[in-house]
Protein backbone atom coordinates (compact mmCIF):
# COMPACT_ATOMS: atom_id res chain seq x y z
CA UNK A 1 0.01 -0.14 -0.02
CA UNK A 2 1.18 3.55 -0.61
CA UNK A 3 0.14 5.13 2.62
CA UNK A 4 3.21 3.48 4.70
CA UNK A 5 5.76 4.25 1.86
CA UNK A 6 4.90 7.65 2.17
CA UNK A 7 5.11 7.88 5.66
CA UNK A 8 8.43 6.24 5.49
CA UNK A 9 9.64 8.82 3.24
CA UNK A 10 8.51 11.50 5.73
CA UNK A 11 5.97 12.89 3.28
CA UNK A 12 2.75 14.81 4.18
CA UNK A 13 -0.09 13.27 2.18
CA UNK A 14 -2.61 15.78 0.52
CA UNK A 15 -5.55 13.46 -0.91
CA UNK A 16 -8.91 14.72 -2.54
CA UNK A 17 -10.60 11.78 -0.39
CA UNK A 18 -13.24 13.92 1.08
CA UNK A 19 -14.88 10.58 2.62
CA UNK A 20 -11.69 9.68 4.41
CA UNK A 21 -13.60 9.03 7.49
CA UNK A 22 -15.59 6.33 5.90
CA UNK A 23 -12.69 4.20 4.98
CA UNK A 24 -11.43 2.07 7.82
CA UNK A 25 -8.55 0.44 5.56
CA UNK A 26 -6.95 3.83 4.73
CA UNK A 27 -7.57 5.18 8.39
CA UNK A 28 -5.96 2.03 9.70
CA UNK A 29 -2.90 2.51 7.33
CA UNK A 30 -2.18 6.02 8.39
CA UNK A 31 -2.55 5.03 12.21
CA UNK A 32 -0.20 1.98 11.79
CA UNK A 33 2.32 3.81 9.86
CA UNK A 34 2.31 6.93 11.43
CA UNK A 35 1.32 8.93 8.49
CA UNK A 36 0.38 12.48 8.15
CA UNK A 37 -2.72 13.40 5.82
CA UNK A 38 -4.81 16.23 4.81
CA UNK A 39 -7.84 15.35 2.87
CA UNK A 40 -9.55 18.02 0.60
CA UNK A 41 -13.32 17.78 1.59
CA UNK A 42 -16.43 18.93 0.58
CA UNK A 43 -18.35 20.21 -2.78
CA UNK A 44 -15.52 22.72 -2.70
CA UNK A 45 -12.93 20.17 -3.73
CA UNK A 46 -14.73 18.85 -6.94
CA UNK A 47 -12.00 20.25 -9.64
CA UNK A 48 -8.45 21.16 -9.47
CA UNK A 49 -8.91 24.94 -9.31
CA UNK A 50 -11.09 24.68 -6.28
CA UNK A 51 -8.79 22.00 -4.57
CA UNK A 52 -5.91 24.55 -4.96
CA UNK A 53 -8.02 27.24 -3.53
CA UNK A 54 -8.48 24.95 -0.33
CA UNK A 55 -4.86 24.31 -0.31
CA UNK A 56 -3.90 28.04 -0.54
CA UNK A 57 -6.64 29.15 2.08
CA UNK A 58 -5.44 26.74 4.43
CA UNK A 59 -1.52 26.95 3.64
CA UNK A 60 -0.52 28.20 6.94
CA UNK A 61 -2.53 25.89 8.89
CA UNK A 62 -1.13 22.79 6.76
CA UNK A 63 2.40 24.08 7.55
CA UNK A 64 1.93 24.01 11.07
CA UNK A 65 0.91 20.22 10.89
CA UNK A 66 4.25 19.60 9.26
CA UNK A 67 5.55 20.12 12.95
CA UNK A 68 3.26 17.42 14.49
CA UNK A 69 4.17 13.97 14.42
CA UNK A 70 1.91 11.35 12.88
CA UNK A 71 -0.37 9.66 12.60
CA UNK A 72 -3.02 12.29 11.88
CA UNK A 73 -5.76 13.37 9.38
CA UNK A 74 -7.31 16.28 8.76
CA UNK A 75 -10.10 17.27 6.72
CA UNK A 76 -9.45 20.47 4.72
CA UNK A 77 -11.97 23.05 3.29
CA UNK A 78 -11.52 26.72 2.56
CA UNK A 79 -12.52 27.74 5.69
CA UNK A 80 -11.91 24.84 8.23
CA UNK A 81 -9.21 22.21 8.91
CA UNK A 82 -10.96 19.66 11.33
CA UNK A 83 -9.18 16.36 12.67
CA UNK A 84 -10.54 12.90 11.85
CA UNK A 85 -10.85 10.44 14.92
CA UNK A 86 -8.27 7.49 13.86
CA UNK A 87 -10.16 5.01 16.06
């Protein structure tokens, strides 16, 4: 699976999976590999331009998460960055 390898590299994952909280296998992979993930969420993330807008609006908040150890998942919209329960 790609999530453990990404975590091993020390990279922050940015995904378009706005329903990550419903995908147990991915949550387990993030938790088990201490990965760090930002999931672009909501109808705001439906195309490349809108995804870029989310990333740019949340840039400083995302950068602060780089200082945090994994595992974590946050969902990002233009106005919020919310943690996902990894249990």
